[in-house]
């Protein structure tokens, strides 16, 4: 047993509760939240080290052995996502210091931020389905508060839709858990994998699998993404960035976990459906990205395209496809955070998100402009930046299984993504300078450090992809061979 497995959940949760008590101590909140995310990052790094050299790490809470107790599990897949979450969360938090505003800070912004991280980390680490539901709810309740924090009209309007959609998804999630338990008699993921393996993926199991796919698709923005563009464009920049980087990724993680560990027996049905949904998501997201001349809309539709591309790798159910998906998932968490931060800075400088009203910022903010250019190339998968490696592997996986249509859609939508983000670059930074620095509505003071760090990280992930390969390969092997996960959790348990 490894008590460190639960620490990425416990640390931000406890520190967030402490912050609630000391509501007016804003400087205390800032310092403590930074150290909390650094601590979770260090713990996540150590868990990755442990998994690499000692295998999957598990913790059975309360001393109750699986499948009777609550299992917490850290494999390489969850470990990589935990570390990325800590890094991206820390940098978005630092960005918030100079942009979120004192009023929001005094209304529990930092505790809510840590509670959101608690729910995300818990979703990555839990080993049973009901606790996955609980961690989803912790994350979502925090996001409900964060999306409305500030009380602006647009926030309140979009939050109603966001809350209603997620309440529906949560109800269906709970119903799916109940159906699954009634059929298998367990909610432990490893035990579920054994039970489903014994009975085969019969009609009722396939129906339950589709129900889970529907729920997680709603939460991830896969195919059923109609709620996402408005919801992600309403909150302040730091909140929108962390939403774009993390919230859809938890839904994606759940789909990966369920359809490699539990529902993997009929890939010709389940994974083909995932592939079709991924293709439609990429196409509709890319069309939305090129259709609008609004920075917020373009960026939120690019979130949707990324979701489809990541799930395209899972649909292939090949080593190459899953390798590409994990690479691209890590890349997407970083790149969506930084492009939302830069987009937010542009909007703050000029006071509008309409591209027709923005021009010539390269003269007054050259560093910001060229960093956006690098990010634009990375999000489109241009070598040698971080998006390239994942796209190559995913495309290779689609071709390997004969899904040429899916690979072609991925490549076509990549060009559409490049067009959409270069449209922002050309309209915002090129052309005649409309505003002098004295006329700008805001400044870049206090917000450049997290942006620069994330840009360097996307460059590093591309140039240093080989160094990451061993870890990604371990994660892929675990997903492709779920017996290692099952054995680590159940130990010597036998029905």
Protein backbone atom coordinates (compact mmCIF):
# COMPACT_ATOMS: atom_id res chain seq x y z
CA UNK A 1 0.00 0.00 0.00
CA UNK A 2 1.15 3.54 -0.78
CA UNK A 3 -0.37 6.37 1.26
CA UNK A 4 0.96 8.89 -1.25
CA UNK A 5 -1.69 7.77 -3.74
CA UNK A 6 -4.39 9.74 -1.94
CA UNK A 7 -2.29 12.83 -1.21
CA UNK A 8 -3.06 14.69 -4.49
CA UNK A 9 -6.68 14.60 -3.33
CA UNK A 10 -6.24 15.23 0.40
CA UNK A 11 -3.74 18.10 0.18
CA UNK A 12 -5.77 20.55 -1.97
CA UNK A 13 -8.99 19.56 -0.19
CA UNK A 14 -7.68 20.28 3.32
CA UNK A 15 -5.86 23.47 2.29
CA UNK A 16 -9.00 24.69 0.53
CA UNK A 17 -11.03 24.13 3.70
CA UNK A 18 -8.44 26.03 5.75
CA UNK A 19 -8.68 28.94 3.29
CA UNK A 20 -12.45 29.12 3.74
CA UNK A 21 -11.94 29.78 7.43
CA UNK A 22 -9.52 32.65 6.72
CA UNK A 23 -11.65 34.31 4.05
CA UNK A 24 -10.11 37.80 4.22
CA UNK A 25 -6.46 36.68 4.16
CA UNK A 26 -5.98 36.98 0.40
CA UNK A 27 -2.18 37.01 0.47
CA UNK A 28 -2.31 33.91 2.66
CA UNK A 29 -4.61 32.29 0.09
CA UNK A 30 -2.21 33.07 -2.75
CA UNK A 31 0.89 31.76 -0.99
CA UNK A 32 -0.81 28.64 0.33
CA UNK A 33 -2.45 27.78 -3.00
CA UNK A 34 0.90 28.04 -4.84
CA UNK A 35 2.62 25.76 -2.33
CA UNK A 36 -0.31 23.35 -2.48
CA UNK A 37 -0.07 22.92 -6.25
CA UNK A 38 3.71 22.63 -6.08
CA UNK A 39 3.27 19.91 -3.44
CA UNK A 40 0.74 17.99 -5.54
CA UNK A 41 3.10 18.28 -8.51
CA UNK A 42 6.00 16.86 -6.52
CA UNK A 43 3.83 14.03 -5.18
CA UNK A 44 2.59 13.28 -8.71
CA UNK A 45 6.18 13.15 -9.97
CA UNK A 46 7.11 10.72 -7.21
CA UNK A 47 4.10 8.53 -8.03
CA UNK A 48 5.23 8.43 -11.66
CA UNK A 49 8.68 7.32 -10.47
CA UNK A 50 7.13 4.64 -8.27
CA UNK A 51 4.94 3.33 -11.08
CA UNK A 52 7.85 3.19 -13.50
CA UNK A 53 10.10 1.18 -11.19
CA UNK A 54 7.68 -0.60 -8.84
CA UNK A 55 4.49 -0.99 -10.85
CA UNK A 56 0.98 0.35 -10.35
CA UNK A 57 0.47 1.92 -6.91
CA UNK A 58 -2.71 1.18 -4.94
CA UNK A 59 -4.26 2.16 -1.64
CA UNK A 60 -7.23 0.39 -0.03
CA UNK A 61 -8.90 2.95 2.22
CA UNK A 62 -9.88 1.93 5.72
CA UNK A 63 -8.03 -1.38 5.44
CA UNK A 64 -10.89 -2.95 3.47
CA UNK A 65 -9.40 -4.98 0.65
CA UNK A 66 -10.74 -4.64 -2.88
CA UNK A 67 -13.38 -5.12 -4.15
CA UNK A 68 -15.17 -4.51 -0.82
CA UNK A 69 -13.45 -1.25 0.14
CA UNK A 70 -12.61 1.96 -1.69
CA UNK A 71 -9.59 1.59 -3.96
CA UNK A 72 -7.29 4.41 -5.04
CA UNK A 73 -5.07 3.55 -7.99
CA UNK A 74 -2.17 5.37 -9.63
CA UNK A 75 -0.94 3.93 -12.90
CA UNK A 76 1.25 5.75 -15.43
CA UNK A 77 -1.73 7.15 -17.34
CA UNK A 78 -3.26 8.79 -14.28
CA UNK A 79 0.18 9.83 -13.00
CA UNK A 80 1.03 11.76 -16.16
CA UNK A 81 -2.33 13.52 -16.06
CA UNK A 82 -1.88 14.37 -12.36
CA UNK A 83 1.49 15.98 -13.01
CA UNK A 84 0.21 17.93 -16.01
CA UNK A 85 -2.81 19.08 -13.98
CA UNK A 86 -0.54 20.39 -11.22
CA UNK A 87 1.69 22.30 -13.64
CA UNK A 88 -1.13 23.80 -15.69
CA UNK A 89 -3.19 24.55 -12.57
CA UNK A 90 -0.26 26.33 -10.93
CA UNK A 91 0.40 28.55 -13.96
CA UNK A 92 -3.28 29.42 -14.41
CA UNK A 93 -3.41 30.27 -10.70
CA UNK A 94 -0.39 32.60 -11.01
CA UNK A 95 -2.09 34.26 -14.00
CA UNK A 96 -5.17 34.81 -11.82
CA UNK A 97 -3.09 36.79 -9.30
CA UNK A 98 -2.86 39.69 -11.73
CA UNK A 99 -6.20 39.35 -13.47
CA UNK A 100 -9.00 37.83 -11.41
CA UNK A 101 -9.81 40.91 -9.32
CA UNK A 102 -10.11 41.53 -5.60
CA UNK A 103 -13.87 41.02 -5.46
CA UNK A 104 -13.65 37.47 -6.79
CA UNK A 105 -10.66 36.76 -4.55
CA UNK A 106 -12.73 37.71 -1.50
CA UNK A 107 -15.53 35.41 -2.61
CA UNK A 108 -13.51 32.22 -2.22
CA UNK A 109 -11.84 32.07 -5.64
CA UNK A 110 -8.72 30.30 -4.35
CA UNK A 111 -10.52 27.67 -2.23
CA UNK A 112 -12.86 26.95 -5.14
CA UNK A 113 -9.87 26.60 -7.45
CA UNK A 114 -8.31 24.02 -5.11
CA UNK A 115 -11.62 22.15 -4.75
CA UNK A 116 -11.75 21.95 -8.55
CA UNK A 117 -8.24 20.46 -8.56
CA UNK A 118 -9.35 18.04 -5.82
CA UNK A 119 -12.19 16.74 -8.00
CA UNK A 120 -9.97 16.44 -11.07
CA UNK A 121 -7.23 14.57 -9.18
CA UNK A 122 -9.78 12.33 -7.50
CA UNK A 123 -11.27 11.39 -10.88
CA UNK A 124 -7.83 10.36 -12.12
CA UNK A 125 -7.04 8.28 -9.01
CA UNK A 126 -10.26 6.59 -7.94
CA UNK A 127 -10.57 2.87 -8.53
CA UNK A 128 -14.33 2.48 -8.28
CA UNK A 129 -17.19 3.84 -10.34
CA UNK A 130 -19.24 5.44 -7.56
CA UNK A 131 -16.30 7.43 -6.27
CA UNK A 132 -15.66 8.55 -9.83
CA UNK A 133 -19.18 10.00 -9.71
CA UNK A 134 -18.40 11.69 -6.37
CA UNK A 135 -15.17 13.23 -7.70
CA UNK A 136 -16.98 14.43 -10.82
CA UNK A 137 -19.49 16.16 -8.57
CA UNK A 138 -16.78 17.82 -6.45
CA UNK A 139 -15.21 19.15 -9.65
CA UNK A 140 -18.55 20.25 -11.11
CA UNK A 141 -19.85 21.98 -7.98
CA UNK A 142 -16.61 23.99 -7.84
CA UNK A 143 -16.96 24.83 -11.52
CA UNK A 144 -20.58 25.98 -10.99
CA UNK A 145 -19.35 28.51 -8.44
CA UNK A 146 -16.35 29.59 -10.54
CA UNK A 147 -18.39 30.14 -13.70
CA UNK A 148 -20.79 32.46 -11.85
CA UNK A 149 -18.19 34.21 -9.66
CA UNK A 150 -18.51 37.92 -10.37
CA UNK A 151 -22.21 37.79 -11.23
CA UNK A 152 -21.98 39.26 -14.74
CA UNK A 153 -25.08 38.89 -16.90
CA UNK A 154 -23.37 36.66 -19.48
CA UNK A 155 -21.93 34.43 -16.77
CA UNK A 156 -25.32 33.91 -15.14
CA UNK A 157 -27.01 33.21 -18.48
CA UNK A 158 -24.45 30.63 -19.59
CA UNK A 159 -24.18 29.09 -16.12
CA UNK A 160 -27.87 28.09 -16.22
CA UNK A 161 -27.28 26.02 -19.36
CA UNK A 162 -24.02 24.64 -17.98
CA UNK A 163 -25.58 23.57 -14.68
CA UNK A 164 -28.68 22.02 -16.29
CA UNK A 165 -26.66 19.96 -18.77
CA UNK A 166 -24.34 18.67 -16.07
CA UNK A 167 -27.23 17.88 -13.73
CA UNK A 168 -28.76 15.77 -16.49
CA UNK A 169 -25.41 14.07 -17.12
CA UNK A 170 -24.96 13.41 -13.39
CA UNK A 171 -28.44 11.87 -13.11
CA UNK A 172 -27.72 9.59 -16.07
CA UNK A 173 -24.30 8.76 -14.60
CA UNK A 174 -25.89 7.62 -11.35
CA UNK A 175 -28.51 5.61 -13.24
CA UNK A 176 -25.76 3.94 -15.30
CA UNK A 177 -23.88 3.05 -12.11
CA UNK A 178 -27.04 1.48 -10.68
CA UNK A 179 -27.63 -0.57 -13.85
CA UNK A 180 -24.01 -1.70 -13.92
CA UNK A 181 -24.14 -2.76 -10.28
CA UNK A 182 -27.41 -4.65 -10.80
CA UNK A 183 -25.83 -6.65 -13.63
CA UNK A 184 -22.36 -7.29 -12.16
CA UNK A 185 -22.78 -6.92 -8.39
CA UNK A 186 -19.73 -4.67 -8.02
CA UNK A 187 -18.56 -1.09 -8.64
CA UNK A 188 -14.82 -1.65 -8.27
CA UNK A 189 -13.32 -1.02 -11.70
CA UNK A 190 -10.85 -3.90 -11.59
CA UNK A 191 -13.54 -6.27 -10.34
CA UNK A 192 -15.90 -4.99 -13.02
CA UNK A 193 -13.29 -5.82 -15.64
CA UNK A 194 -13.19 -9.41 -14.38
CA UNK A 195 -16.98 -9.75 -14.16
CA UNK A 196 -17.57 -8.32 -17.64
CA UNK A 197 -14.79 -10.55 -18.94
CA UNK A 198 -16.52 -13.59 -17.46
CA UNK A 199 -20.00 -12.91 -18.83
CA UNK A 200 -18.84 -11.29 -22.07
CA UNK A 201 -20.12 -7.99 -23.36
CA UNK A 202 -23.71 -9.13 -23.78
CA UNK A 203 -26.53 -6.95 -25.01
CA UNK A 204 -27.31 -5.47 -21.59
CA UNK A 205 -23.63 -4.77 -20.89
CA UNK A 206 -23.24 -3.09 -24.28
CA UNK A 207 -26.32 -0.97 -23.54
CA UNK A 208 -24.85 0.08 -20.19
CA UNK A 209 -21.55 0.84 -21.94
CA UNK A 210 -23.38 3.12 -24.38
CA UNK A 211 -25.07 4.83 -21.47
CA UNK A 212 -21.69 5.58 -19.88
CA UNK A 213 -20.38 6.75 -23.24
CA UNK A 214 -23.30 9.18 -23.54
CA UNK A 215 -22.67 10.54 -20.02
CA UNK A 216 -18.93 10.99 -20.49
CA UNK A 217 -19.44 12.44 -23.96
CA UNK A 218 -21.64 15.14 -22.45
CA UNK A 219 -18.98 15.95 -19.89
CA UNK A 220 -16.09 15.78 -22.37
CA UNK A 221 -17.75 17.73 -25.18
CA UNK A 222 -17.57 14.74 -27.53
CA UNK A 223 -20.28 15.11 -30.19
CA UNK A 224 -22.73 16.52 -27.59
CA UNK A 225 -20.86 19.81 -27.21
CA UNK A 226 -23.63 22.37 -27.74
CA UNK A 227 -23.26 23.65 -24.17
CA UNK A 228 -19.49 24.20 -24.33
CA UNK A 229 -18.85 27.31 -26.50
CA UNK A 230 -20.98 29.62 -24.38
CA UNK A 231 -19.97 28.15 -21.02
CA UNK A 232 -16.23 28.38 -21.68
CA UNK A 233 -16.39 31.92 -23.06
CA UNK A 234 -18.33 33.40 -20.13
CA UNK A 235 -15.98 33.24 -17.09
CA UNK A 236 -12.81 35.29 -16.52
CA UNK A 237 -9.69 34.32 -18.46
CA UNK A 238 -7.97 32.31 -15.73
CA UNK A 239 -11.14 30.29 -15.09
CA UNK A 240 -11.82 29.75 -18.80
CA UNK A 241 -8.23 28.55 -19.26
CA UNK A 242 -8.42 26.00 -16.46
CA UNK A 243 -11.82 24.83 -17.74
CA UNK A 244 -10.44 24.38 -21.26
CA UNK A 245 -7.33 22.61 -19.98
CA UNK A 246 -8.91 20.26 -17.44
CA UNK A 247 -12.67 19.80 -17.40
CA UNK A 248 -13.16 18.11 -20.76
CA UNK A 249 -10.05 16.02 -20.07
CA UNK A 250 -11.69 14.36 -17.07
CA UNK A 251 -14.50 13.15 -19.32
CA UNK A 252 -11.92 11.96 -21.85
CA UNK A 253 -10.01 10.13 -19.11
CA UNK A 254 -13.20 8.38 -18.01
CA UNK A 255 -13.91 7.21 -21.56
CA UNK A 256 -10.36 5.88 -21.86
CA UNK A 257 -10.53 4.10 -18.51
CA UNK A 258 -13.92 2.50 -19.10
CA UNK A 259 -13.34 1.45 -22.70
CA UNK A 260 -9.89 -0.05 -22.14
CA UNK A 261 -10.44 -1.60 -18.71
CA UNK A 262 -14.12 -2.56 -18.53
CA UNK A 263 -15.87 -2.36 -21.92
CA UNK A 264 -13.18 -3.54 -24.31
CA UNK A 265 -14.69 -6.85 -25.43
CA UNK A 266 -16.62 -5.55 -28.44
CA UNK A 267 -14.42 -2.86 -29.99
CA UNK A 268 -16.01 -3.43 -33.38
CA UNK A 269 -19.15 -1.88 -31.84
CA UNK A 270 -18.11 0.44 -29.02
CA UNK A 271 -14.88 1.78 -30.49
CA UNK A 272 -16.37 2.27 -33.93
CA UNK A 273 -19.09 4.40 -32.36
CA UNK A 274 -16.41 6.39 -30.52
CA UNK A 275 -14.60 6.87 -33.85
CA UNK A 276 -17.74 8.13 -35.59
CA UNK A 277 -18.48 10.51 -32.72
CA UNK A 278 -14.85 11.72 -32.78
CA UNK A 279 -15.04 12.39 -36.53
CA UNK A 280 -18.30 14.37 -36.25
CA UNK A 281 -16.88 16.30 -33.29
CA UNK A 282 -13.73 17.27 -35.19
CA UNK A 283 -15.68 18.37 -38.26
CA UNK A 284 -18.32 20.41 -36.44
CA UNK A 285 -15.75 21.92 -34.08
CA UNK A 286 -13.48 22.94 -36.95
CA UNK A 287 -16.39 24.45 -38.90
CA UNK A 288 -17.33 26.46 -35.82
CA UNK A 289 -13.74 27.62 -35.37
CA UNK A 290 -13.44 29.00 -38.90
CA UNK A 291 -16.98 30.40 -39.01
CA UNK A 292 -16.62 32.95 -36.22
CA UNK A 293 -14.69 36.22 -36.03
CA UNK A 294 -14.72 36.28 -32.26
CA UNK A 295 -11.62 35.22 -30.30
CA UNK A 296 -13.57 33.49 -27.53
CA UNK A 297 -15.73 31.51 -29.95
CA UNK A 298 -12.75 30.44 -32.08
CA UNK A 299 -10.82 29.20 -29.05
CA UNK A 300 -13.75 27.33 -27.50
CA UNK A 301 -14.50 25.52 -30.77
CA UNK A 302 -10.84 24.52 -30.90
CA UNK A 303 -11.35 22.83 -27.52
CA UNK A 304 -14.02 20.69 -29.21
CA UNK A 305 -11.71 19.75 -32.09
CA UNK A 306 -9.06 18.61 -29.60
CA UNK A 307 -11.56 16.34 -27.82
CA UNK A 308 -12.43 14.63 -31.10
CA UNK A 309 -8.80 14.16 -32.07
CA UNK A 310 -7.84 12.57 -28.76
CA UNK A 311 -10.75 10.12 -28.90
CA UNK A 312 -9.87 9.22 -32.50
CA UNK A 313 -6.75 7.51 -31.14
CA UNK A 314 -8.82 5.47 -28.67
CA UNK A 315 -11.19 4.44 -31.47
CA UNK A 316 -8.32 2.67 -33.25
CA UNK A 317 -7.53 0.64 -30.11
CA UNK A 318 -3.94 0.20 -31.32
CA UNK A 319 -0.63 0.87 -29.62
CA UNK A 320 0.09 3.71 -32.06
CA UNK A 321 -3.33 5.27 -31.63
CA UNK A 322 -3.24 5.20 -27.83
CA UNK A 323 0.34 6.50 -27.81
CA UNK A 324 -0.77 9.43 -29.94
CA UNK A 325 -3.81 10.05 -27.76
CA UNK A 326 -1.77 10.26 -24.56
CA UNK A 327 0.85 12.50 -26.16
CA UNK A 328 -1.87 14.71 -27.58
CA UNK A 329 -3.86 14.73 -24.33
CA UNK A 330 -0.86 16.07 -22.39
CA UNK A 331 -0.15 18.57 -25.18
CA UNK A 332 -3.79 19.67 -25.28
CA UNK A 333 -3.92 20.39 -21.56
CA UNK A 334 -0.92 22.69 -21.92
CA UNK A 335 -1.81 24.31 -25.22
CA UNK A 336 -5.45 25.05 -24.41
CA UNK A 337 -4.42 26.74 -21.17
CA UNK A 338 -1.86 29.01 -22.85
CA UNK A 339 -3.95 29.92 -25.89
CA UNK A 340 -6.87 30.89 -23.65
CA UNK A 341 -4.53 32.98 -21.49
CA UNK A 342 -3.08 34.79 -24.50
CA UNK A 343 -6.55 35.27 -25.98
CA UNK A 344 -7.72 36.72 -22.68
CA UNK A 345 -4.79 39.15 -22.59
CA UNK A 346 -5.58 40.34 -26.13
CA UNK A 347 -9.21 40.94 -25.18
CA UNK A 348 -8.20 42.76 -21.99
CA UNK A 349 -5.82 45.03 -23.92
CA UNK A 350 -8.31 46.14 -26.57
CA UNK A 351 -11.59 45.75 -24.68
CA UNK A 352 -13.26 43.53 -27.28
CA UNK A 353 -13.14 39.98 -28.60
CA UNK A 354 -14.29 40.93 -32.13
CA UNK A 355 -11.45 40.42 -34.62
CA UNK A 356 -12.76 43.18 -36.89
CA UNK A 357 -12.07 45.71 -34.12
CA UNK A 358 -8.50 44.58 -33.36
CA UNK A 359 -5.35 45.34 -35.35
CA UNK A 360 -1.62 45.97 -35.13
CA UNK A 361 -0.80 44.68 -31.64
CA UNK A 362 2.53 43.31 -32.87
CA UNK A 363 3.97 46.83 -32.72
CA UNK A 364 3.18 47.37 -29.03
CA UNK A 365 3.33 43.72 -27.88
CA UNK A 366 5.75 41.81 -30.12
CA UNK A 367 6.56 39.12 -27.55
CA UNK A 368 2.88 38.36 -27.02
CA UNK A 369 2.35 38.18 -30.77
CA UNK A 370 5.19 35.80 -31.52
CA UNK A 371 4.28 33.58 -28.59
CA UNK A 372 0.75 33.35 -29.98
CA UNK A 373 2.27 32.42 -33.35
CA UNK A 374 4.22 29.55 -31.76
CA UNK A 375 1.12 28.36 -29.93
CA UNK A 376 -0.92 28.55 -33.14
CA UNK A 377 1.58 26.30 -34.91
CA UNK A 378 1.62 23.89 -31.98
CA UNK A 379 -2.17 23.57 -31.75
CA UNK A 380 -2.26 22.73 -35.47
CA UNK A 381 0.42 20.05 -35.06
CA UNK A 382 3.28 21.73 -36.93
CA UNK A 383 6.68 20.09 -36.18
CA UNK A 384 8.68 20.18 -33.99
CA UNK A 385 6.11 21.46 -31.48
CA UNK A 386 4.17 19.29 -29.03
CA UNK A 387 1.03 18.78 -31.13
CA UNK A 388 2.95 17.13 -33.97
CA UNK A 389 3.94 13.89 -32.20
CA UNK A 390 0.42 13.03 -31.06
CA UNK A 391 -1.12 13.75 -34.44
CA UNK A 392 1.41 11.57 -36.26
CA UNK A 393 0.78 8.59 -33.96
CA UNK A 394 -3.01 9.00 -34.03
CA UNK A 395 -3.02 9.22 -37.83
CA UNK A 396 -0.77 6.15 -38.01
CA UNK A 397 -3.19 4.28 -35.75
CA UNK A 398 -6.23 5.18 -37.86
CA UNK A 399 -4.49 3.99 -41.02
CA UNK A 400 -3.29 0.78 -39.34
CA UNK A 401 -6.87 -0.38 -38.66
CA UNK A 402 -8.27 0.82 -41.96
CA UNK A 403 -10.01 3.91 -40.58
CA UNK A 404 -8.70 6.03 -43.44
CA UNK A 405 -11.77 8.24 -43.25
CA UNK A 406 -11.01 9.06 -39.60
CA UNK A 407 -7.35 9.82 -40.29
CA UNK A 408 -8.28 11.99 -43.27
CA UNK A 409 -10.81 13.95 -41.20
CA UNK A 410 -8.14 14.48 -38.55
CA UNK A 411 -5.70 15.90 -41.10
CA UNK A 412 -8.32 18.09 -42.79
CA UNK A 413 -9.54 19.53 -39.49
CA UNK A 414 -5.91 20.21 -38.48
CA UNK A 415 -5.64 22.53 -41.48
CA UNK A 416 -8.94 24.16 -40.50
CA UNK A 417 -7.63 24.64 -36.95
CA UNK A 418 -4.46 26.25 -38.31
CA UNK A 419 -6.58 28.60 -40.42
CA UNK A 420 -8.75 29.58 -37.45
CA UNK A 421 -5.91 30.42 -35.08
CA UNK A 422 -3.84 32.13 -37.77
CA UNK A 423 -6.93 34.26 -38.42
CA UNK A 424 -6.63 35.50 -34.83
CA UNK A 425 -2.90 36.14 -35.30
CA UNK A 426 -3.25 38.02 -38.60
CA UNK A 427 -6.21 40.13 -37.49
CA UNK A 428 -4.98 40.91 -33.98
CA UNK A 429 -1.28 41.48 -34.48
CA UNK A 430 -0.84 42.43 -38.14
CA UNK A 431 -2.12 45.56 -39.88
CA UNK A 432 -2.39 49.14 -38.74
CA UNK A 433 -1.97 49.81 -35.02
CA UNK A 434 -5.31 51.15 -33.79
CA UNK A 435 -4.43 51.62 -30.11
CA UNK A 436 -1.29 53.07 -28.63
CA UNK A 437 -0.11 51.68 -25.29
CA UNK A 438 -1.63 54.70 -23.52
CA UNK A 439 -5.03 53.95 -25.05
CA UNK A 440 -5.10 50.25 -24.11
CA UNK A 441 -7.71 49.13 -21.60
CA UNK A 442 -5.26 46.98 -19.62
CA UNK A 443 -1.62 45.88 -19.59
CA UNK A 444 0.43 42.70 -19.64
CA UNK A 445 1.95 43.46 -16.24
CA UNK A 446 1.88 40.45 -13.91
CA UNK A 447 0.50 37.94 -16.44
CA UNK A 448 3.42 37.17 -18.75
CA UNK A 449 5.30 34.66 -16.59
CA UNK A 450 2.71 31.82 -16.82
CA UNK A 451 2.26 32.46 -20.55
CA UNK A 452 6.01 32.34 -21.25
CA UNK A 453 6.38 29.19 -19.12
CA UNK A 454 3.55 27.37 -20.92
CA UNK A 455 4.93 28.37 -24.35
CA UNK A 456 8.35 27.01 -23.34
CA UNK A 457 6.63 23.86 -22.11
CA UNK A 458 4.90 23.22 -25.45
CA UNK A 459 8.21 23.70 -27.23
CA UNK A 460 9.92 21.40 -24.73
CA UNK A 461 7.26 18.71 -25.09
CA UNK A 462 7.89 18.71 -28.82
CA UNK A 463 11.67 18.77 -28.77
CA UNK A 464 11.86 16.42 -25.79
CA UNK A 465 9.21 13.95 -26.95
CA UNK A 466 11.71 11.10 -26.92
CA UNK A 467 12.33 11.58 -23.21
CA UNK A 468 8.60 11.29 -22.56
CA UNK A 469 8.16 8.20 -24.72
CA UNK A 470 9.14 5.62 -22.07
CA UNK A 471 6.49 6.95 -19.70
CA UNK A 472 3.82 7.15 -22.39
CA UNK A 473 4.70 3.63 -23.52
CA UNK A 474 4.19 2.29 -19.97
CA UNK A 475 0.80 4.04 -19.87
CA UNK A 476 -0.19 2.53 -23.22
CA UNK A 477 0.91 -0.97 -22.19
CA UNK A 478 -1.23 -0.68 -19.06
CA UNK A 479 -4.26 0.41 -21.10
CA UNK A 480 -3.78 -2.28 -23.74
CA UNK A 481 -3.21 -5.02 -21.13
CA UNK A 482 -5.67 -4.32 -18.30
CA UNK A 483 -4.59 -7.47 -16.44
CA UNK A 484 -1.77 -5.49 -14.81
CA UNK A 485 -4.30 -2.98 -13.40
CA UNK A 486 -6.63 -5.76 -12.25
CA UNK A 487 -3.86 -7.72 -10.52
CA UNK A 488 -2.50 -4.62 -8.76
CA UNK A 489 -5.92 -3.74 -7.33
CA UNK A 490 -7.35 -7.17 -6.49
CA UNK A 491 -4.09 -8.78 -5.34
CA UNK A 492 -5.02 -12.32 -4.33
CA UNK A 493 -8.79 -11.83 -4.32
CA UNK A 494 -10.79 -14.53 -6.08
CA UNK A 495 -14.54 -14.95 -6.60
